[in-house]
Amino acid sequence: MSQTRMMSGIEAATNVIIGYVLAVLMQLLIFPAVGLDLSLRQAMQIGVAFTACSLIRSYALRRVFNRLRG
């Protein structure tokens, strides 16, 4: 069974949202443990950068693998 475009969009959006929340939470937990203190706002800003990098990486890899598949 193939996935509809709508469900693919919902899956992608859910993945991005969960990834963003995890990035922020992990920063708030890990950064202080290594001596880096940051505010929630700073963690959210860094989370946006991590999320953007993840989206670009995911898109590029998908395109490469689609090209390899032929």
PDB file of N, CA and C in Angstrom:
ATOM      1  N   MET A   1       0.837  -1.176   0.000  1.00  0.00           N
ATOM      2  CA  MET A   1       0.000   0.000   0.000  1.00  0.00           C
ATOM      3  C   MET A   1       0.886   1.245   0.000  1.00  0.00           C
ATOM      4  N   SER A   2       0.627   2.169  -0.905  1.00  0.00           N
ATOM      5  CA  SER A   2       1.434   3.386  -0.964  1.00  0.00           C
ATOM      6  C   SER A   2       0.808   4.480  -0.102  1.00  0.00           C
ATOM      7  N   GLN A   3       1.626   5.425   0.246  1.00  0.00           N
ATOM      8  CA  GLN A   3       1.202   6.513   1.104  1.00  0.00           C
ATOM      9  C   GLN A   3       0.703   7.679   0.255  1.00  0.00           C
ATOM     10  N   THR A   4      -0.391   8.301   0.680  1.00  0.00           N
ATOM     11  CA  THR A   4      -0.899   9.457  -0.057  1.00  0.00           C
ATOM     12  C   THR A   4       0.026  10.657   0.161  1.00  0.00           C
ATOM     13  N   ARG A   5      -0.078  11.630  -0.716  1.00  0.00           N
ATOM     14  CA  ARG A   5       0.731  12.853  -0.565  1.00  0.00           C
ATOM     15  C   ARG A   5       0.407  13.562   0.739  1.00  0.00           C
ATOM     16  N   MET A   6      -0.857  13.554   1.106  1.00  0.00           N
ATOM     17  CA  MET A   6      -1.282  14.200   2.358  1.00  0.00           C
ATOM     18  C   MET A   6      -0.612  13.522   3.557  1.00  0.00           C
ATOM     19  N   MET A   7      -0.636  12.193   3.580  1.00  0.00           N
ATOM     20  CA  MET A   7      -0.018  11.471   4.697  1.00  0.00           C
ATOM     21  C   MET A   7       1.499  11.626   4.687  1.00  0.00           C
ATOM     22  N   SER A   8       2.108  11.703   3.510  1.00  0.00           N
ATOM     23  CA  SER A   8       3.548  11.954   3.433  1.00  0.00           C
ATOM     24  C   SER A   8       3.871  13.314   4.034  1.00  0.00           C
ATOM     25  N   GLY A   9       3.047  14.309   3.742  1.00  0.00           N
ATOM     26  CA  GLY A   9       3.242  15.643   4.304  1.00  0.00           C
ATOM     27  C   GLY A   9       3.079  15.656   5.809  1.00  0.00           C
ATOM     28  N   ILE A  10       2.065  14.948   6.300  1.00  0.00           N
ATOM     29  CA  ILE A  10       1.839  14.868   7.742  1.00  0.00           C
ATOM     30  C   ILE A  10       3.007  14.164   8.420  1.00  0.00           C
ATOM     31  N   GLU A  11       3.490  13.085   7.805  1.00  0.00           N
ATOM     32  CA  GLU A  11       4.635  12.359   8.367  1.00  0.00           C
ATOM     33  C   GLU A  11       5.866  13.251   8.414  1.00  0.00           C
ATOM     34  N   ALA A  12       6.148  13.963   7.335  1.00  0.00           N
ATOM     35  CA  ALA A  12       7.316  14.840   7.283  1.00  0.00           C
ATOM     36  C   ALA A  12       7.216  15.954   8.323  1.00  0.00           C
ATOM     37  N   ALA A  13       6.044  16.563   8.437  1.00  0.00           N
ATOM     38  CA  ALA A  13       5.856  17.649   9.411  1.00  0.00           C
ATOM     39  C   ALA A  13       6.014  17.131  10.838  1.00  0.00           C
ATOM     40  N   THR A  14       5.454  15.963  11.114  1.00  0.00           N
ATOM     41  CA  THR A  14       5.572  15.360  12.440  1.00  0.00           C
ATOM     42  C   THR A  14       7.029  15.071  12.761  1.00  0.00           C
ATOM     43  N   ASN A  15       7.758  14.547  11.798  1.00  0.00           N
ATOM     44  CA  ASN A  15       9.175  14.253  11.980  1.00  0.00           C
ATOM     45  C   ASN A  15       9.958  15.519  12.312  1.00  0.00           C
ATOM     46  N   VAL A  16       9.686  16.597  11.601  1.00  0.00           N
ATOM     47  CA  VAL A  16      10.390  17.858  11.826  1.00  0.00           C
ATOM     48  C   VAL A  16      10.063  18.418  13.212  1.00  0.00           C
ATOM     49  N   ILE A  17       8.804  18.397  13.595  1.00  0.00           N
ATOM     50  CA  ILE A  17       8.387  18.931  14.898  1.00  0.00           C
ATOM     51  C   ILE A  17       9.014  18.143  16.037  1.00  0.00           C
ATOM     52  N   ILE A  18       8.954  16.812  15.944  1.00  0.00           N
ATOM     53  CA  ILE A  18       9.543  15.975  16.989  1.00  0.00           C
ATOM     54  C   ILE A  18      11.050  16.172  17.046  1.00  0.00           C
ATOM     55  N   GLY A  19      11.698  16.265  15.885  1.00  0.00           N
ATOM     56  CA  GLY A  19      13.142  16.499  15.850  1.00  0.00           C
ATOM     57  C   GLY A  19      13.517  17.822  16.495  1.00  0.00           C
ATOM     58  N   TYR A  20      12.732  18.850  16.239  1.00  0.00           N
ATOM     59  CA  TYR A  20      12.997  20.173  16.815  1.00  0.00           C
ATOM     60  C   TYR A  20      12.865  20.137  18.339  1.00  0.00           C
ATOM     61  N   VAL A  21      11.781  19.552  18.815  1.00  0.00           N
ATOM     62  CA  VAL A  21      11.551  19.466  20.266  1.00  0.00           C
ATOM     63  C   VAL A  21      12.675  18.671  20.932  1.00  0.00           C
ATOM     64  N   LEU A  22      13.061  17.551  20.322  1.00  0.00           N
ATOM     65  CA  LEU A  22      14.159  16.756  20.876  1.00  0.00           C
ATOM     66  C   LEU A  22      15.470  17.530  20.895  1.00  0.00           C
ATOM     67  N   ALA A  23      15.748  18.275  19.830  1.00  0.00           N
ATOM     68  CA  ALA A  23      16.986  19.065  19.780  1.00  0.00           C
ATOM     69  C   ALA A  23      17.026  20.068  20.924  1.00  0.00           C
ATOM     70  N   VAL A  24      15.927  20.761  21.151  1.00  0.00           N
ATOM     71  CA  VAL A  24      15.879  21.771  22.219  1.00  0.00           C
ATOM     72  C   VAL A  24      16.021  21.100  23.588  1.00  0.00           C
ATOM     73  N   LEU A  25      15.274  20.018  23.803  1.00  0.00           N
ATOM     74  CA  LEU A  25      15.348  19.332  25.097  1.00  0.00           C
ATOM     75  C   LEU A  25      16.745  18.776  25.367  1.00  0.00           C
ATOM     76  N   MET A  26      17.357  18.185  24.357  1.00  0.00           N
ATOM     77  CA  MET A  26      18.692  17.626  24.544  1.00  0.00           C
ATOM     78  C   MET A  26      19.711  18.722  24.855  1.00  0.00           C
ATOM     79  N   GLN A  27      19.563  19.877  24.219  1.00  0.00           N
ATOM     80  CA  GLN A  27      20.476  20.988  24.520  1.00  0.00           C
ATOM     81  C   GLN A  27      20.312  21.444  25.959  1.00  0.00           C
ATOM     82  N   LEU A  28      19.068  21.538  26.407  1.00  0.00           N
ATOM     83  CA  LEU A  28      18.815  21.990  27.773  1.00  0.00           C
ATOM     84  C   LEU A  28      19.343  20.994  28.802  1.00  0.00           C
ATOM     85  N   LEU A  29      19.410  19.724  28.428  1.00  0.00           N
ATOM     86  CA  LEU A  29      19.927  18.705  29.338  1.00  0.00           C
ATOM     87  C   LEU A  29      21.439  18.525  29.232  1.00  0.00           C
ATOM     88  N   ILE A  30      21.966  18.506  28.019  1.00  0.00           N
ATOM     89  CA  ILE A  30      23.374  18.157  27.813  1.00  0.00           C
ATOM     90  C   ILE A  30      24.306  19.360  27.944  1.00  0.00           C
ATOM     91  N   PHE A  31      23.928  20.489  27.401  1.00  0.00           N
ATOM     92  CA  PHE A  31      24.837  21.642  27.419  1.00  0.00           C
ATOM     93  C   PHE A  31      25.274  22.023  28.835  1.00  0.00           C
ATOM     94  N   PRO A  32      24.353  22.116  29.805  1.00  0.00           N
ATOM     95  CA  PRO A  32      24.809  22.449  31.170  1.00  0.00           C
ATOM     96  C   PRO A  32      25.753  21.393  31.751  1.00  0.00           C
ATOM     97  N   ALA A  33      25.597  20.147  31.345  1.00  0.00           N
ATOM     98  CA  ALA A  33      26.456  19.076  31.858  1.00  0.00           C
ATOM     99  C   ALA A  33      27.900  19.238  31.404  1.00  0.00           C
ATOM    100  N   VAL A  34      28.125  19.977  30.321  1.00  0.00           N
ATOM    101  CA  VAL A  34      29.487  20.208  29.839  1.00  0.00           C
ATOM    102  C   VAL A  34      29.915  21.665  30.025  1.00  0.00           C
ATOM    103  N   GLY A  35      29.169  22.372  30.874  1.00  0.00           N
ATOM    104  CA  GLY A  35      29.570  23.726  31.233  1.00  0.00           C
ATOM    105  C   GLY A  35      29.058  24.824  30.326  1.00  0.00           C
ATOM    106  N   LEU A  36      28.097  24.527  29.467  1.00  0.00           N
ATOM    107  CA  LEU A  36      27.524  25.547  28.590  1.00  0.00           C
ATOM    108  C   LEU A  36      26.108  25.892  29.073  1.00  0.00           C
ATOM    109  N   ASP A  37      25.942  27.093  29.545  1.00  0.00           N
ATOM    110  CA  ASP A  37      24.625  27.531  30.005  1.00  0.00           C
ATOM    111  C   ASP A  37      23.954  28.355  28.928  1.00  0.00           C
ATOM    112  N   LEU A  38      22.698  28.075  28.669  1.00  0.00           N
ATOM    113  CA  LEU A  38      21.960  28.830  27.674  1.00  0.00           C
ATOM    114  C   LEU A  38      20.515  28.958  28.102  1.00  0.00           C
ATOM    115  N   SER A  39      19.882  29.983  27.569  1.00  0.00           N
ATOM    116  CA  SER A  39      18.474  30.223  27.879  1.00  0.00           C
ATOM    117  C   SER A  39      17.596  29.360  26.966  1.00  0.00           C
ATOM    118  N   LEU A  40      16.325  29.281  27.307  1.00  0.00           N
ATOM    119  CA  LEU A  40      15.378  28.555  26.462  1.00  0.00           C
ATOM    120  C   LEU A  40      15.352  29.172  25.067  1.00  0.00           C
ATOM    121  N   ARG A  41      15.391  30.491  25.001  1.00  0.00           N
ATOM    122  CA  ARG A  41      15.382  31.173  23.698  1.00  0.00           C
ATOM    123  C   ARG A  41      16.600  30.775  22.855  1.00  0.00           C
ATOM    124  N   GLN A  42      17.769  30.753  23.487  1.00  0.00           N
ATOM    125  CA  GLN A  42      18.976  30.352  22.765  1.00  0.00           C
ATOM    126  C   GLN A  42      18.878  28.900  22.296  1.00  0.00           C
ATOM    127  N   ALA A  43      18.362  28.026  23.150  1.00  0.00           N
ATOM    128  CA  ALA A  43      18.195  26.620  22.770  1.00  0.00           C
ATOM    129  C   ALA A  43      17.235  26.491  21.598  1.00  0.00           C
ATOM    130  N   MET A  44      16.193  27.291  21.594  1.00  0.00           N
ATOM    131  CA  MET A  44      15.224  27.256  20.500  1.00  0.00           C
ATOM    132  C   MET A  44      15.852  27.753  19.206  1.00  0.00           C
ATOM    133  N   GLN A  45      16.677  28.787  19.289  1.00  0.00           N
ATOM    134  CA  GLN A  45      17.347  29.308  18.098  1.00  0.00           C
ATOM    135  C   GLN A  45      18.329  28.279  17.534  1.00  0.00           C
ATOM    136  N   ILE A  46      19.082  27.641  18.411  1.00  0.00           N
ATOM    137  CA  ILE A  46      20.010  26.604  17.958  1.00  0.00           C
ATOM    138  C   ILE A  46      19.217  25.438  17.372  1.00  0.00           C
ATOM    139  N   GLY A  47      18.091  25.114  17.985  1.00  0.00           N
ATOM    140  CA  GLY A  47      17.231  24.048  17.478  1.00  0.00           C
ATOM    141  C   GLY A  47      16.762  24.316  16.056  1.00  0.00           C
ATOM    142  N   VAL A  48      16.476  25.567  15.743  1.00  0.00           N
ATOM    143  CA  VAL A  48      16.083  25.932  14.376  1.00  0.00           C
ATOM    144  C   VAL A  48      17.228  25.650  13.410  1.00  0.00           C
ATOM    145  N   ALA A  49      18.449  25.996  13.802  1.00  0.00           N
ATOM    146  CA  ALA A  49      19.610  25.741  12.942  1.00  0.00           C
ATOM    147  C   ALA A  49      19.818  24.244  12.735  1.00  0.00           C
ATOM    148  N   PHE A  50      19.728  23.469  13.820  1.00  0.00           N
ATOM    149  CA  PHE A  50      19.871  22.010  13.705  1.00  0.00           C
ATOM    150  C   PHE A  50      18.783  21.425  12.811  1.00  0.00           C
ATOM    151  N   THR A  51      17.570  21.908  12.970  1.00  0.00           N
ATOM    152  CA  THR A  51      16.451  21.405  12.181  1.00  0.00           C
ATOM    153  C   THR A  51      16.639  21.732  10.706  1.00  0.00           C
ATOM    154  N   ALA A  52      17.090  22.939  10.401  1.00  0.00           N
ATOM    155  CA  ALA A  52      17.339  23.317   9.009  1.00  0.00           C
ATOM    156  C   ALA A  52      18.420  22.425   8.391  1.00  0.00           C
ATOM    157  N   CYS A  53      19.491  22.188   9.137  1.00  0.00           N
ATOM    158  CA  CYS A  53      20.551  21.292   8.637  1.00  0.00           C
ATOM    159  C   CYS A  53      20.008  19.892   8.408  1.00  0.00           C
ATOM    160  N   SER A  54      19.184  19.419   9.293  1.00  0.00           N
ATOM    161  CA  SER A  54      18.609  18.083   9.161  1.00  0.00           C
ATOM    162  C   SER A  54      17.713  17.981   7.935  1.00  0.00           C
ATOM    163  N   LEU A  55      16.909  19.011   7.700  1.00  0.00           N
ATOM    164  CA  LEU A  55      16.030  19.012   6.530  1.00  0.00           C
ATOM    165  C   LEU A  55      16.835  19.006   5.231  1.00  0.00           C
ATOM    166  N   ILE A  56      17.874  19.821   5.176  1.00  0.00           N
ATOM    167  CA  ILE A  56      18.713  19.885   3.974  1.00  0.00           C
ATOM    168  C   ILE A  56      19.413  18.545   3.751  1.00  0.00           C
ATOM    169  N   ARG A  57      19.974  17.977   4.814  1.00  0.00           N
ATOM    170  CA  ARG A  57      20.643  16.683   4.712  1.00  0.00           C
ATOM    171  C   ARG A  57      19.682  15.597   4.248  1.00  0.00           C
ATOM    172  N   SER A  58      18.518  15.557   4.839  1.00  0.00           N
ATOM    173  CA  SER A  58      17.526  14.537   4.491  1.00  0.00           C
ATOM    174  C   SER A  58      17.099  14.665   3.034  1.00  0.00           C
ATOM    175  N   TYR A  59      16.853  15.878   2.587  1.00  0.00           N
ATOM    176  CA  TYR A  59      16.446  16.112   1.199  1.00  0.00           C
ATOM    177  C   TYR A  59      17.556  15.689   0.237  1.00  0.00           C
ATOM    178  N   ALA A  60      18.789  16.102   0.534  1.00  0.00           N
ATOM    179  CA  ALA A  60      19.913  15.786  -0.357  1.00  0.00           C
ATOM    180  C   ALA A  60      20.132  14.274  -0.446  1.00  0.00           C
ATOM    181  N   LEU A  61      20.076  13.586   0.682  1.00  0.00           N
ATOM    182  CA  LEU A  61      20.251  12.137   0.664  1.00  0.00           C
ATOM    183  C   LEU A  61      19.120  11.443  -0.093  1.00  0.00           C
ATOM    184  N   ARG A  62      17.914  11.919   0.079  1.00  0.00           N
ATOM    185  CA  ARG A  62      16.788  11.324  -0.648  1.00  0.00           C
ATOM    186  C   ARG A  62      16.978  11.484  -2.147  1.00  0.00           C
ATOM    187  N   ARG A  63      17.428  12.659  -2.578  1.00  0.00           N
ATOM    188  CA  ARG A  63      17.659  12.889  -4.004  1.00  0.00           C
ATOM    189  C   ARG A  63      18.791  11.998  -4.532  1.00  0.00           C
ATOM    190  N   VAL A  64      19.875  11.855  -3.763  1.00  0.00           N
ATOM    191  CA  VAL A  64      20.987  10.998  -4.174  1.00  0.00           C
ATOM    192  C   VAL A  64      20.509   9.556  -4.319  1.00  0.00           C
ATOM    193  N   PHE A  65      19.792   9.051  -3.343  1.00  0.00           N
ATOM    194  CA  PHE A  65      19.337   7.668  -3.402  1.00  0.00           C
ATOM    195  C   PHE A  65      18.310   7.458  -4.517  1.00  0.00           C
ATOM    196  N   ASN A  66      17.466   8.449  -4.765  1.00  0.00           N
ATOM    197  CA  ASN A  66      16.528   8.332  -5.886  1.00  0.00           C
ATOM    198  C   ASN A  66      17.275   8.270  -7.221  1.00  0.00           C
ATOM    199  N   ARG A  67      18.340   9.040  -7.324  1.00  0.00           N
ATOM    200  CA  ARG A  67      19.140   9.030  -8.552  1.00  0.00           C
ATOM    201  C   ARG A  67      19.861   7.687  -8.719  1.00  0.00           C
ATOM    202  N   LEU A  68      20.386   7.160  -7.622  1.00  0.00           N
ATOM    203  CA  LEU A  68      21.082   5.866  -7.676  1.00  0.00           C
ATOM    204  C   LEU A  68      20.131   4.727  -8.049  1.00  0.00           C
ATOM    205  N   ARG A  69      18.897   4.837  -7.601  1.00  0.00           N
ATOM    206  CA  ARG A  69      17.904   3.803  -7.877  1.00  0.00           C
ATOM    207  C   ARG A  69      17.512   3.799  -9.338  1.00  0.00           C
ATOM    208  N   GLY A  70      17.685   4.938  -9.982  1.00  0.00           N
ATOM    209  CA  GLY A  70      17.514   5.023 -11.416  1.00  0.00           C
ATOM    210  C   GLY A  70      16.212   5.449 -11.885  1.00  0.00           C
TER     211      GLY A  70
END
